[in-house]
N, C-alpha and C. Protein backbone atom coordinates (compact mmCIF):
# COMPACT_ATOMS: atom_id res chain seq x y z
N MET A 1 0.85 -1.19 0.00
CA MET A 1 0.00 0.00 0.00
C MET A 1 0.89 1.24 0.00
N PRO A 2 0.56 2.27 -0.85
CA PRO A 2 1.36 3.49 -0.85
C PRO A 2 1.41 4.13 0.54
N GLN A 3 2.54 4.77 0.83
CA GLN A 3 2.75 5.33 2.16
C GLN A 3 1.68 6.32 2.59
N PRO A 4 1.21 7.25 1.69
CA PRO A 4 0.15 8.17 2.13
C PRO A 4 -1.11 7.45 2.58
N LEU A 5 -1.45 6.32 1.91
CA LEU A 5 -2.64 5.58 2.31
C LEU A 5 -2.43 4.84 3.62
N GLN A 6 -1.18 4.39 3.85
CA GLN A 6 -0.88 3.78 5.14
C GLN A 6 -1.08 4.78 6.26
N ARG A 7 -0.62 6.01 6.02
CA ARG A 7 -0.81 7.06 7.04
C ARG A 7 -2.30 7.34 7.25
N LEU A 8 -3.06 7.32 6.13
CA LEU A 8 -4.49 7.58 6.24
C LEU A 8 -5.17 6.51 7.08
N ARG A 9 -4.76 5.26 6.90
CA ARG A 9 -5.35 4.18 7.69
C ARG A 9 -5.12 4.38 9.19
N GLY A 10 -3.96 4.90 9.55
CA GLY A 10 -3.66 5.07 10.97
C GLY A 10 -4.13 6.38 11.55
N SER A 11 -4.48 7.34 10.70
CA SER A 11 -4.82 8.68 11.19
C SER A 11 -6.04 8.71 12.09
N PRO A 12 -7.20 8.09 11.71
CA PRO A 12 -8.36 8.16 12.60
C PRO A 12 -8.08 7.64 14.00
N ALA A 13 -7.38 6.50 14.10
CA ALA A 13 -7.09 5.95 15.43
C ALA A 13 -6.18 6.87 16.22
N SER A 14 -5.16 7.42 15.55
CA SER A 14 -4.24 8.33 16.24
C SER A 14 -4.96 9.57 16.72
N ALA A 15 -5.79 10.13 15.85
CA ALA A 15 -6.52 11.34 16.23
C ALA A 15 -7.50 11.08 17.37
N THR A 16 -8.15 9.90 17.32
CA THR A 16 -9.13 9.57 18.35
C THR A 16 -8.46 9.37 19.70
N ARG A 17 -7.32 8.72 19.70
CA ARG A 17 -6.61 8.51 20.98
C ARG A 17 -6.15 9.85 21.55
N ALA A 18 -5.73 10.75 20.66
CA ALA A 18 -5.34 12.08 21.13
C ALA A 18 -6.54 12.81 21.71
N GLY A 19 -7.71 12.64 21.07
CA GLY A 19 -8.91 13.27 21.59
C GLY A 19 -9.35 12.67 22.90
N ALA A 20 -9.19 11.35 23.02
CA ALA A 20 -9.60 10.67 24.25
C ALA A 20 -8.82 11.18 25.45
N GLU A 21 -7.56 11.55 25.22
CA GLU A 21 -6.76 12.10 26.31
C GLU A 21 -7.33 13.41 26.83
N ARG A 22 -8.12 14.07 25.96
CA ARG A 22 -8.76 15.34 26.34
C ARG A 22 -10.26 15.17 26.56
N ASP A 23 -10.69 13.92 26.69
CA ASP A 23 -12.10 13.59 26.90
C ASP A 23 -12.96 14.18 25.78
N ALA A 24 -12.52 13.99 24.53
CA ALA A 24 -13.23 14.54 23.36
C ALA A 24 -13.35 13.48 22.28
N ALA A 25 -14.41 13.59 21.50
CA ALA A 25 -14.59 12.72 20.33
C ALA A 25 -14.04 13.43 19.09
N VAL A 26 -13.92 12.69 18.02
CA VAL A 26 -13.40 13.24 16.77
C VAL A 26 -14.46 13.07 15.68
N VAL A 27 -14.72 14.14 14.93
CA VAL A 27 -15.67 14.10 13.82
C VAL A 27 -14.95 14.60 12.57
N LEU A 28 -14.99 13.81 11.52
CA LEU A 28 -14.44 14.22 10.23
C LEU A 28 -15.55 14.83 9.38
N PHE A 29 -15.35 16.03 8.87
CA PHE A 29 -16.31 16.67 7.98
C PHE A 29 -15.70 16.77 6.59
N ILE A 30 -16.37 16.16 5.61
CA ILE A 30 -15.85 16.14 4.25
C ILE A 30 -16.96 16.55 3.28
N ASP A 31 -16.68 17.54 2.44
CA ASP A 31 -17.63 17.97 1.42
C ASP A 31 -17.13 17.51 0.05
N GLU A 32 -18.04 17.47 -0.92
CA GLU A 32 -17.71 17.03 -2.29
C GLU A 32 -17.00 15.67 -2.27
N HIS A 33 -17.55 14.78 -1.46
CA HIS A 33 -16.88 13.50 -1.20
C HIS A 33 -16.78 12.63 -2.45
N GLN A 34 -17.62 12.90 -3.45
CA GLN A 34 -17.57 12.07 -4.66
C GLN A 34 -16.26 12.23 -5.43
N TYR A 35 -15.48 13.27 -5.11
CA TYR A 35 -14.22 13.48 -5.82
C TYR A 35 -13.04 12.74 -5.18
N VAL A 36 -13.27 12.08 -4.06
CA VAL A 36 -12.21 11.30 -3.42
C VAL A 36 -11.94 10.06 -4.28
N ARG A 37 -10.68 9.82 -4.62
CA ARG A 37 -10.34 8.66 -5.44
C ARG A 37 -10.67 7.37 -4.71
N GLU A 38 -10.99 6.32 -5.48
CA GLU A 38 -11.51 5.10 -4.89
C GLU A 38 -10.53 4.47 -3.90
N GLU A 39 -9.23 4.47 -4.23
CA GLU A 39 -8.28 3.86 -3.30
C GLU A 39 -8.18 4.65 -2.00
N GLN A 40 -8.31 5.97 -2.09
CA GLN A 40 -8.31 6.79 -0.88
C GLN A 40 -9.59 6.58 -0.09
N LEU A 41 -10.72 6.47 -0.81
CA LEU A 41 -12.00 6.22 -0.14
C LEU A 41 -11.97 4.88 0.57
N ALA A 42 -11.38 3.87 -0.08
CA ALA A 42 -11.29 2.54 0.54
C ALA A 42 -10.43 2.60 1.80
N ALA A 43 -9.33 3.34 1.74
CA ALA A 43 -8.46 3.45 2.92
C ALA A 43 -9.17 4.15 4.06
N LEU A 44 -9.92 5.21 3.73
CA LEU A 44 -10.65 5.95 4.77
C LEU A 44 -11.73 5.09 5.40
N ILE A 45 -12.50 4.39 4.57
CA ILE A 45 -13.55 3.52 5.10
C ILE A 45 -12.94 2.41 5.96
N GLY A 46 -11.82 1.84 5.50
CA GLY A 46 -11.17 0.80 6.27
C GLY A 46 -10.69 1.29 7.62
N ALA A 47 -10.15 2.52 7.63
CA ALA A 47 -9.67 3.09 8.89
C ALA A 47 -10.82 3.33 9.85
N LEU A 48 -11.93 3.85 9.35
CA LEU A 48 -13.08 4.09 10.21
C LEU A 48 -13.69 2.78 10.70
N HIS A 49 -13.64 1.75 9.85
CA HIS A 49 -14.14 0.45 10.27
C HIS A 49 -13.30 -0.12 11.41
N SER A 50 -11.99 0.00 11.28
CA SER A 50 -11.11 -0.48 12.35
C SER A 50 -11.35 0.28 13.64
N ALA A 51 -11.52 1.61 13.52
CA ALA A 51 -11.78 2.42 14.71
C ALA A 51 -13.10 2.03 15.36
N SER A 52 -14.09 1.70 14.52
CA SER A 52 -15.39 1.28 15.05
C SER A 52 -15.26 -0.04 15.82
N GLN A 53 -14.49 -0.96 15.25
CA GLN A 53 -14.29 -2.24 15.93
C GLN A 53 -13.59 -2.07 17.27
N ASP A 54 -12.71 -1.06 17.34
CA ASP A 54 -12.01 -0.77 18.59
C ASP A 54 -12.82 0.13 19.52
N GLN A 55 -14.07 0.46 19.07
CA GLN A 55 -14.98 1.31 19.84
C GLN A 55 -14.35 2.66 20.18
N LEU A 56 -13.64 3.21 19.22
CA LEU A 56 -13.05 4.53 19.41
C LEU A 56 -14.10 5.60 19.07
N PRO A 57 -14.10 6.72 19.81
CA PRO A 57 -15.12 7.77 19.60
C PRO A 57 -14.80 8.64 18.39
N ILE A 58 -15.09 8.12 17.20
CA ILE A 58 -14.85 8.87 15.98
C ILE A 58 -15.97 8.59 15.00
N THR A 59 -16.37 9.60 14.25
CA THR A 59 -17.39 9.42 13.22
C THR A 59 -17.08 10.37 12.08
N MET A 60 -17.86 10.26 11.03
CA MET A 60 -17.65 11.10 9.86
C MET A 60 -18.98 11.61 9.34
N MET A 61 -19.01 12.87 8.95
CA MET A 61 -20.16 13.44 8.25
C MET A 61 -19.65 13.93 6.90
N ALA A 62 -20.18 13.35 5.84
CA ALA A 62 -19.70 13.68 4.50
C ALA A 62 -20.88 14.03 3.61
N ALA A 63 -20.65 14.91 2.67
CA ALA A 63 -21.68 15.30 1.70
C ALA A 63 -21.14 15.08 0.30
N GLY A 64 -22.00 14.63 -0.59
CA GLY A 64 -21.58 14.42 -1.97
C GLY A 64 -22.78 14.17 -2.86
N LEU A 65 -22.51 14.01 -4.13
CA LEU A 65 -23.57 13.74 -5.10
C LEU A 65 -24.09 12.31 -4.92
N PRO A 66 -25.27 12.01 -5.50
CA PRO A 66 -25.91 10.71 -5.25
C PRO A 66 -25.04 9.50 -5.57
N GLN A 67 -24.11 9.64 -6.52
CA GLN A 67 -23.29 8.48 -6.88
C GLN A 67 -22.33 8.07 -5.77
N LEU A 68 -22.24 8.87 -4.71
CA LEU A 68 -21.33 8.55 -3.62
C LEU A 68 -21.68 7.22 -2.96
N VAL A 69 -22.98 6.89 -2.91
CA VAL A 69 -23.40 5.63 -2.30
C VAL A 69 -22.77 4.45 -3.04
N GLY A 70 -22.86 4.48 -4.37
CA GLY A 70 -22.27 3.41 -5.16
C GLY A 70 -20.76 3.39 -5.08
N GLN A 71 -20.14 4.57 -5.04
CA GLN A 71 -18.68 4.64 -4.94
C GLN A 71 -18.21 4.02 -3.63
N ALA A 72 -18.91 4.33 -2.55
CA ALA A 72 -18.53 3.77 -1.25
C ALA A 72 -18.68 2.26 -1.25
N GLY A 73 -19.76 1.76 -1.86
CA GLY A 73 -19.98 0.32 -1.91
C GLY A 73 -18.92 -0.40 -2.74
N ARG A 74 -18.48 0.25 -3.82
CA ARG A 74 -17.43 -0.37 -4.64
C ARG A 74 -16.08 -0.34 -3.92
N ALA A 75 -15.86 0.72 -3.14
CA ALA A 75 -14.59 0.82 -2.42
C ALA A 75 -14.50 -0.22 -1.32
N LYS A 76 -15.58 -0.38 -0.56
CA LYS A 76 -15.64 -1.38 0.50
C LYS A 76 -17.07 -1.91 0.56
N SER A 77 -17.21 -3.21 0.42
CA SER A 77 -18.55 -3.80 0.35
C SER A 77 -19.36 -3.58 1.63
N TYR A 78 -18.68 -3.39 2.75
CA TYR A 78 -19.40 -3.23 4.01
C TYR A 78 -19.74 -1.78 4.32
N ALA A 79 -19.49 -0.87 3.37
CA ALA A 79 -19.75 0.55 3.62
C ALA A 79 -21.20 0.82 3.97
N GLU A 80 -22.14 0.08 3.32
CA GLU A 80 -23.56 0.33 3.58
C GLU A 80 -23.94 -0.04 5.00
N ARG A 81 -23.18 -0.91 5.64
CA ARG A 81 -23.46 -1.28 7.03
C ARG A 81 -22.75 -0.34 8.01
N LEU A 82 -21.70 0.30 7.53
CA LEU A 82 -20.91 1.15 8.41
C LEU A 82 -21.49 2.55 8.52
N PHE A 83 -22.11 3.02 7.42
CA PHE A 83 -22.61 4.39 7.38
C PHE A 83 -24.11 4.43 7.17
N GLU A 84 -24.70 5.52 7.57
CA GLU A 84 -26.09 5.81 7.24
C GLU A 84 -26.10 6.83 6.12
N PHE A 85 -26.69 6.48 4.99
CA PHE A 85 -26.76 7.38 3.84
C PHE A 85 -28.12 8.08 3.85
N VAL A 86 -28.10 9.38 4.04
CA VAL A 86 -29.34 10.16 4.14
C VAL A 86 -29.49 11.00 2.87
N PRO A 87 -30.49 10.72 2.04
CA PRO A 87 -30.67 11.53 0.82
C PRO A 87 -31.18 12.92 1.16
N MET A 88 -30.64 13.91 0.48
CA MET A 88 -31.10 15.29 0.62
C MET A 88 -31.51 15.77 -0.76
N ASP A 89 -32.80 15.93 -0.96
CA ASP A 89 -33.33 16.25 -2.28
C ASP A 89 -33.89 17.67 -2.27
N ARG A 90 -34.63 17.98 -3.30
CA ARG A 90 -35.25 19.29 -3.39
C ARG A 90 -36.25 19.50 -2.25
N LEU A 91 -36.39 20.73 -1.81
CA LEU A 91 -37.33 21.05 -0.74
C LEU A 91 -38.75 21.12 -1.30
N ASP A 92 -39.70 20.70 -0.49
CA ASP A 92 -41.09 20.85 -0.91
C ASP A 92 -41.46 22.33 -0.87
N PRO A 93 -42.57 22.74 -1.50
CA PRO A 93 -42.90 24.17 -1.58
C PRO A 93 -42.95 24.89 -0.23
N GLU A 94 -43.48 24.23 0.78
CA GLU A 94 -43.57 24.87 2.09
C GLU A 94 -42.18 25.12 2.67
N ALA A 95 -41.31 24.11 2.60
CA ALA A 95 -39.96 24.26 3.14
C ALA A 95 -39.15 25.25 2.31
N ALA A 96 -39.33 25.23 0.98
CA ALA A 96 -38.60 26.16 0.12
C ALA A 96 -39.01 27.59 0.40
N GLY A 97 -40.31 27.82 0.59
CA GLY A 97 -40.77 29.16 0.92
C GLY A 97 -40.21 29.63 2.25
N ALA A 98 -40.16 28.72 3.22
CA ALA A 98 -39.61 29.07 4.53
C ALA A 98 -38.12 29.38 4.43
N ALA A 99 -37.41 28.67 3.54
CA ALA A 99 -35.98 28.92 3.38
C ALA A 99 -35.71 30.33 2.89
N LEU A 100 -36.66 30.91 2.18
CA LEU A 100 -36.53 32.29 1.71
C LEU A 100 -37.05 33.28 2.75
N ARG A 101 -38.20 32.98 3.32
CA ARG A 101 -38.88 33.95 4.18
C ARG A 101 -38.24 34.08 5.57
N VAL A 102 -37.85 32.95 6.17
CA VAL A 102 -37.39 33.00 7.56
C VAL A 102 -36.11 33.82 7.72
N PRO A 103 -35.06 33.61 6.91
CA PRO A 103 -33.86 34.44 7.08
C PRO A 103 -34.14 35.92 6.79
N ALA A 104 -34.97 36.19 5.78
CA ALA A 104 -35.28 37.58 5.44
C ALA A 104 -36.03 38.28 6.58
N ALA A 105 -36.90 37.54 7.24
CA ALA A 105 -37.70 38.12 8.31
C ALA A 105 -36.83 38.63 9.45
N LYS A 106 -35.65 38.03 9.63
CA LYS A 106 -34.75 38.49 10.69
C LYS A 106 -34.24 39.89 10.43
N SER A 107 -34.32 40.32 9.18
CA SER A 107 -33.94 41.70 8.83
C SER A 107 -35.17 42.53 8.46
N ASN A 108 -36.34 42.07 8.90
CA ASN A 108 -37.61 42.76 8.66
C ASN A 108 -37.91 42.93 7.17
N VAL A 109 -37.56 41.93 6.38
CA VAL A 109 -37.85 41.92 4.95
C VAL A 109 -38.75 40.73 4.66
N THR A 110 -39.70 40.92 3.76
CA THR A 110 -40.61 39.84 3.39
C THR A 110 -40.57 39.61 1.88
N PHE A 111 -40.97 38.42 1.46
CA PHE A 111 -41.19 38.08 0.06
C PHE A 111 -42.70 38.00 -0.16
N ASP A 112 -43.23 38.67 -1.19
CA ASP A 112 -44.66 38.49 -1.44
C ASP A 112 -44.88 37.17 -2.18
N ASP A 113 -46.14 36.79 -2.30
CA ASP A 113 -46.46 35.47 -2.87
C ASP A 113 -45.99 35.34 -4.31
N ALA A 114 -46.05 36.44 -5.07
CA ALA A 114 -45.62 36.39 -6.47
C ALA A 114 -44.12 36.11 -6.57
N ALA A 115 -43.36 36.69 -5.66
CA ALA A 115 -41.90 36.46 -5.66
C ALA A 115 -41.60 35.00 -5.32
N ILE A 116 -42.27 34.49 -4.31
CA ILE A 116 -42.06 33.09 -3.91
C ILE A 116 -42.41 32.16 -5.06
N SER A 117 -43.54 32.42 -5.72
CA SER A 117 -43.97 31.57 -6.83
C SER A 117 -42.96 31.59 -7.97
N GLU A 118 -42.45 32.76 -8.30
CA GLU A 118 -41.46 32.87 -9.38
C GLU A 118 -40.19 32.10 -9.03
N ILE A 119 -39.71 32.26 -7.82
CA ILE A 119 -38.46 31.60 -7.42
C ILE A 119 -38.63 30.09 -7.38
N LEU A 120 -39.76 29.62 -6.88
CA LEU A 120 -39.98 28.17 -6.82
C LEU A 120 -40.15 27.58 -8.22
N ALA A 121 -40.76 28.35 -9.12
CA ALA A 121 -40.92 27.86 -10.49
C ALA A 121 -39.57 27.71 -11.18
N GLN A 122 -38.63 28.58 -10.87
CA GLN A 122 -37.32 28.53 -11.50
C GLN A 122 -36.39 27.51 -10.85
N THR A 123 -36.49 27.34 -9.56
CA THR A 123 -35.54 26.50 -8.82
C THR A 123 -36.06 25.11 -8.50
N LEU A 124 -37.39 24.94 -8.51
CA LEU A 124 -38.01 23.68 -8.12
C LEU A 124 -37.56 23.22 -6.74
N GLY A 125 -37.19 24.18 -5.89
CA GLY A 125 -36.85 23.86 -4.51
C GLY A 125 -35.44 23.36 -4.29
N TYR A 126 -34.58 23.44 -5.32
CA TYR A 126 -33.20 22.98 -5.15
C TYR A 126 -32.48 23.96 -4.22
N PRO A 127 -31.93 23.51 -3.09
CA PRO A 127 -31.44 24.44 -2.06
C PRO A 127 -30.41 25.45 -2.54
N TYR A 128 -29.41 25.01 -3.31
CA TYR A 128 -28.38 25.97 -3.76
C TYR A 128 -28.99 27.03 -4.65
N PHE A 129 -29.91 26.63 -5.54
CA PHE A 129 -30.54 27.61 -6.43
C PHE A 129 -31.45 28.57 -5.65
N LEU A 130 -32.09 28.07 -4.60
CA LEU A 130 -32.88 28.96 -3.74
C LEU A 130 -31.99 30.05 -3.16
N GLN A 131 -30.78 29.68 -2.76
CA GLN A 131 -29.85 30.67 -2.23
C GLN A 131 -29.50 31.71 -3.29
N GLU A 132 -29.25 31.25 -4.51
CA GLU A 132 -28.87 32.17 -5.59
C GLU A 132 -30.01 33.12 -5.93
N TRP A 133 -31.21 32.59 -6.11
CA TRP A 133 -32.35 33.45 -6.45
C TRP A 133 -32.69 34.38 -5.29
N GLY A 134 -32.59 33.86 -4.06
CA GLY A 134 -32.86 34.72 -2.91
C GLY A 134 -31.87 35.86 -2.82
N LYS A 135 -30.59 35.55 -3.05
CA LYS A 135 -29.54 36.58 -2.98
C LYS A 135 -29.77 37.67 -4.02
N HIS A 136 -30.04 37.27 -5.26
CA HIS A 136 -30.20 38.28 -6.32
C HIS A 136 -31.50 39.05 -6.15
N SER A 137 -32.55 38.40 -5.68
CA SER A 137 -33.80 39.12 -5.41
C SER A 137 -33.58 40.18 -4.34
N TRP A 138 -32.85 39.79 -3.31
CA TRP A 138 -32.53 40.72 -2.21
C TRP A 138 -31.74 41.91 -2.73
N ASN A 139 -30.74 41.66 -3.54
CA ASN A 139 -29.86 42.74 -4.02
C ASN A 139 -30.57 43.67 -4.99
N LEU A 140 -31.61 43.19 -5.67
CA LEU A 140 -32.26 43.99 -6.70
C LEU A 140 -33.42 44.83 -6.17
N THR A 141 -33.86 44.57 -4.96
CA THR A 141 -35.00 45.31 -4.43
C THR A 141 -34.53 46.49 -3.58
N ASP A 142 -35.32 47.54 -3.57
CA ASP A 142 -34.99 48.74 -2.79
C ASP A 142 -35.69 48.75 -1.44
N CYS A 143 -36.77 47.99 -1.33
CA CYS A 143 -37.52 48.01 -0.08
C CYS A 143 -38.33 46.72 0.04
N SER A 144 -38.83 46.49 1.24
CA SER A 144 -39.66 45.32 1.49
C SER A 144 -41.11 45.65 1.12
N PRO A 145 -41.88 44.72 0.58
CA PRO A 145 -41.51 43.33 0.32
C PRO A 145 -40.77 43.15 -1.01
N ILE A 146 -40.09 42.02 -1.13
CA ILE A 146 -39.51 41.62 -2.41
C ILE A 146 -40.64 41.09 -3.26
N ARG A 147 -40.82 41.67 -4.45
CA ARG A 147 -41.98 41.37 -5.27
C ARG A 147 -41.64 40.44 -6.44
N GLY A 148 -42.69 40.03 -7.12
CA GLY A 148 -42.52 39.14 -8.25
C GLY A 148 -41.61 39.69 -9.32
N ASN A 149 -41.72 41.00 -9.60
CA ASN A 149 -40.86 41.60 -10.61
C ASN A 149 -39.39 41.55 -10.20
N ASP A 150 -39.12 41.72 -8.90
CA ASP A 150 -37.75 41.60 -8.40
C ASP A 150 -37.22 40.18 -8.65
N ALA A 151 -38.06 39.18 -8.39
CA ALA A 151 -37.65 37.79 -8.58
C ALA A 151 -37.42 37.49 -10.06
N ARG A 152 -38.25 38.07 -10.94
CA ARG A 152 -38.05 37.84 -12.37
C ARG A 152 -36.75 38.47 -12.85
N ARG A 153 -36.43 39.65 -12.34
CA ARG A 153 -35.14 40.27 -12.70
C ARG A 153 -33.99 39.45 -12.11
N ALA A 154 -34.21 38.87 -10.94
CA ALA A 154 -33.18 38.05 -10.31
C ALA A 154 -32.88 36.81 -11.15
N THR A 155 -33.91 36.30 -11.86
CA THR A 155 -33.70 35.12 -12.70
C THR A 155 -32.61 35.36 -13.73
N VAL A 156 -32.60 36.54 -14.35
CA VAL A 156 -31.60 36.86 -15.36
C VAL A 156 -30.20 36.81 -14.76
N GLN A 157 -30.03 37.44 -13.60
CA GLN A 157 -28.70 37.48 -12.97
C GLN A 157 -28.29 36.12 -12.42
N ALA A 158 -29.24 35.40 -11.84
CA ALA A 158 -28.91 34.10 -11.27
C ALA A 158 -28.46 33.12 -12.36
N LEU A 159 -29.17 33.11 -13.49
CA LEU A 159 -28.79 32.22 -14.59
C LEU A 159 -27.41 32.56 -15.14
N ALA A 160 -27.13 33.86 -15.26
CA ALA A 160 -25.81 34.27 -15.76
C ALA A 160 -24.71 33.83 -14.80
N GLU A 161 -24.96 33.94 -13.51
CA GLU A 161 -23.95 33.55 -12.53
C GLU A 161 -23.76 32.04 -12.50
N LEU A 162 -24.83 31.29 -12.65
CA LEU A 162 -24.72 29.83 -12.71
C LEU A 162 -23.88 29.40 -13.92
N ASP A 163 -24.13 30.04 -15.05
CA ASP A 163 -23.36 29.70 -16.25
C ASP A 163 -21.88 30.00 -16.08
N ALA A 164 -21.58 31.10 -15.38
CA ALA A 164 -20.19 31.55 -15.25
C ALA A 164 -19.43 30.80 -14.16
N SER A 165 -20.15 30.21 -13.21
CA SER A 165 -19.45 29.59 -12.08
C SER A 165 -19.89 28.14 -11.88
N PHE A 166 -21.11 27.94 -11.45
CA PHE A 166 -21.59 26.60 -11.05
C PHE A 166 -21.42 25.59 -12.17
N PHE A 167 -21.95 25.89 -13.36
CA PHE A 167 -21.85 24.94 -14.47
C PHE A 167 -20.48 24.99 -15.14
N ARG A 168 -19.87 26.17 -15.19
CA ARG A 168 -18.58 26.29 -15.85
C ARG A 168 -17.51 25.45 -15.17
N VAL A 169 -17.48 25.50 -13.84
CA VAL A 169 -16.50 24.72 -13.09
C VAL A 169 -16.66 23.24 -13.38
N ARG A 170 -17.89 22.76 -13.44
CA ARG A 170 -18.13 21.35 -13.71
C ARG A 170 -17.77 20.99 -15.15
N PHE A 171 -18.08 21.88 -16.08
CA PHE A 171 -17.74 21.62 -17.47
C PHE A 171 -16.23 21.52 -17.65
N ASP A 172 -15.50 22.36 -16.97
CA ASP A 172 -14.04 22.37 -17.11
C ASP A 172 -13.40 21.10 -16.56
N ARG A 173 -14.12 20.36 -15.72
CA ARG A 173 -13.57 19.11 -15.18
C ARG A 173 -13.67 17.96 -16.19
N LEU A 174 -14.49 18.13 -17.23
CA LEU A 174 -14.72 17.04 -18.16
C LEU A 174 -13.51 16.82 -19.08
N THR A 175 -13.40 15.61 -19.57
CA THR A 175 -12.36 15.31 -20.55
C THR A 175 -12.82 15.85 -21.91
N PRO A 176 -11.91 15.99 -22.87
CA PRO A 176 -12.31 16.47 -24.20
C PRO A 176 -13.43 15.65 -24.83
N SER A 177 -13.39 14.32 -24.69
CA SER A 177 -14.44 13.48 -25.28
C SER A 177 -15.78 13.70 -24.60
N GLU A 178 -15.77 13.93 -23.27
CA GLU A 178 -17.02 14.20 -22.55
C GLU A 178 -17.59 15.55 -22.96
N LYS A 179 -16.73 16.52 -23.20
CA LYS A 179 -17.20 17.83 -23.66
C LYS A 179 -17.86 17.71 -25.04
N ARG A 180 -17.26 16.91 -25.93
CA ARG A 180 -17.86 16.72 -27.25
C ARG A 180 -19.22 16.05 -27.13
N TYR A 181 -19.33 15.11 -26.18
CA TYR A 181 -20.60 14.42 -25.96
C TYR A 181 -21.70 15.41 -25.58
N LEU A 182 -21.34 16.42 -24.81
CA LEU A 182 -22.34 17.37 -24.29
C LEU A 182 -22.63 18.51 -25.26
N ARG A 183 -21.90 18.64 -26.36
CA ARG A 183 -22.08 19.78 -27.26
C ARG A 183 -23.52 19.92 -27.77
N PRO A 184 -24.21 18.80 -28.12
CA PRO A 184 -25.58 18.98 -28.62
C PRO A 184 -26.58 19.36 -27.53
N TRP A 185 -26.16 19.32 -26.29
CA TRP A 185 -27.05 19.60 -25.18
C TRP A 185 -27.23 21.11 -25.02
N PRO A 186 -28.16 21.56 -24.17
CA PRO A 186 -28.33 23.00 -23.94
C PRO A 186 -27.01 23.65 -23.55
N ASN A 187 -26.78 24.87 -24.05
CA ASN A 187 -25.52 25.56 -23.83
C ASN A 187 -25.46 26.31 -22.51
N SER A 188 -26.57 26.52 -21.88
CA SER A 188 -26.56 27.31 -20.65
C SER A 188 -27.81 27.01 -19.85
N ALA A 189 -27.79 27.47 -18.60
CA ALA A 189 -28.99 27.36 -17.77
C ALA A 189 -30.14 28.14 -18.39
N GLY A 190 -29.81 29.26 -19.06
CA GLY A 190 -30.84 30.05 -19.73
C GLY A 190 -31.52 29.28 -20.85
N ASP A 191 -30.75 28.47 -21.58
CA ASP A 191 -31.33 27.64 -22.63
C ASP A 191 -32.34 26.65 -22.04
N LEU A 192 -32.01 26.12 -20.87
CA LEU A 192 -32.92 25.16 -20.23
C LEU A 192 -34.23 25.83 -19.87
N ILE A 193 -34.14 27.05 -19.32
CA ILE A 193 -35.36 27.77 -18.97
C ILE A 193 -36.19 28.04 -20.21
N ALA A 194 -35.51 28.44 -21.31
CA ALA A 194 -36.21 28.75 -22.55
C ALA A 194 -36.95 27.53 -23.10
N ARG A 195 -36.40 26.34 -22.83
CA ARG A 195 -37.04 25.10 -23.29
C ARG A 195 -38.09 24.59 -22.31
N GLY A 196 -38.27 25.34 -21.23
CA GLY A 196 -39.26 24.93 -20.24
C GLY A 196 -38.76 23.91 -19.26
N THR A 197 -37.43 23.79 -19.11
CA THR A 197 -36.83 22.82 -18.21
C THR A 197 -36.01 23.55 -17.16
N SER A 198 -36.22 23.21 -15.89
CA SER A 198 -35.40 23.81 -14.84
C SER A 198 -34.00 23.25 -14.87
N PRO A 199 -32.98 24.07 -14.54
CA PRO A 199 -31.63 23.53 -14.43
C PRO A 199 -31.52 22.40 -13.42
N THR A 200 -32.45 22.34 -12.48
CA THR A 200 -32.35 21.33 -11.43
C THR A 200 -32.77 19.95 -11.92
N VAL A 201 -33.48 19.87 -13.04
CA VAL A 201 -33.97 18.57 -13.48
C VAL A 201 -33.32 18.15 -14.80
N TRP A 202 -32.27 18.85 -15.20
CA TRP A 202 -31.54 18.47 -16.40
C TRP A 202 -30.77 17.20 -16.10
N GLY A 203 -31.14 16.10 -16.73
CA GLY A 203 -30.53 14.82 -16.38
C GLY A 203 -30.02 14.07 -17.58
N GLY A 204 -29.63 12.82 -17.33
CA GLY A 204 -29.09 11.99 -18.39
C GLY A 204 -27.60 12.07 -18.44
N GLY A 205 -27.05 11.78 -19.61
CA GLY A 205 -25.61 11.92 -19.78
C GLY A 205 -24.87 10.65 -19.48
N SER A 206 -23.59 10.67 -19.79
CA SER A 206 -22.75 9.52 -19.56
C SER A 206 -22.40 9.41 -18.09
N ARG A 207 -21.87 8.25 -17.70
CA ARG A 207 -21.46 8.07 -16.30
C ARG A 207 -20.40 9.09 -15.89
N PRO A 208 -19.36 9.36 -16.74
CA PRO A 208 -18.36 10.36 -16.35
C PRO A 208 -18.96 11.74 -16.17
N SER A 209 -19.93 12.12 -17.05
CA SER A 209 -20.50 13.45 -16.92
C SER A 209 -21.36 13.56 -15.67
N ARG A 210 -22.01 12.45 -15.27
CA ARG A 210 -22.76 12.47 -14.01
C ARG A 210 -21.80 12.52 -12.83
N ARG A 211 -20.68 11.76 -12.94
CA ARG A 211 -19.72 11.74 -11.86
C ARG A 211 -19.10 13.11 -11.63
N SER A 212 -18.95 13.89 -12.68
CA SER A 212 -18.34 15.22 -12.55
C SER A 212 -19.32 16.23 -11.95
N GLY A 213 -20.61 15.85 -11.85
CA GLY A 213 -21.61 16.79 -11.35
C GLY A 213 -22.22 17.62 -12.44
N MET A 214 -21.92 17.32 -13.70
CA MET A 214 -22.43 18.11 -14.80
C MET A 214 -23.88 17.78 -15.10
N CYS A 215 -24.29 16.54 -14.83
CA CYS A 215 -25.66 16.10 -15.13
C CYS A 215 -26.33 15.61 -13.86
């Protein structure tokens, strides 16, 4: 086994024992976990499994795209027994509306019903997109309440920002052949809206393009 992976196998136990000396547990927080290479993922899962068998106070909270479940299972067959996989999907209309209204209310700002309807129609409750539309709606309004027209103007800015950052970063991760595969597809989040499709439900694609987060 390569030396870095050997160190990774021993790290959870070492960290936990150091924490135990201070009467503390250890929690690993990992985001974008789907980008961890399979051999590294296998080493991490193996280390946590060993720590669990030794009843050491350590756990992990990780976030990633849906394919992470399959990646973990391929890395170690017992991963499904070691971890609890909790799906986090789009918010229902009530929760999505609250995600916009509750933080704004702390600053004495409200969203009217037309604004909420416009934002939910564009985002379909996808949490990151709710943040983007909420941010741009907030920045474009001069006073409370934030109205439907503010949300419609926010759509233009939110789509432009998604194209320049969110989707662009994922596109740049693709190989040349994967980029050619995607050429016939919509060119931007704005194209998806024009076709009557939310960016949140754009699906399909090859396994590599899904793995990159592009689809």
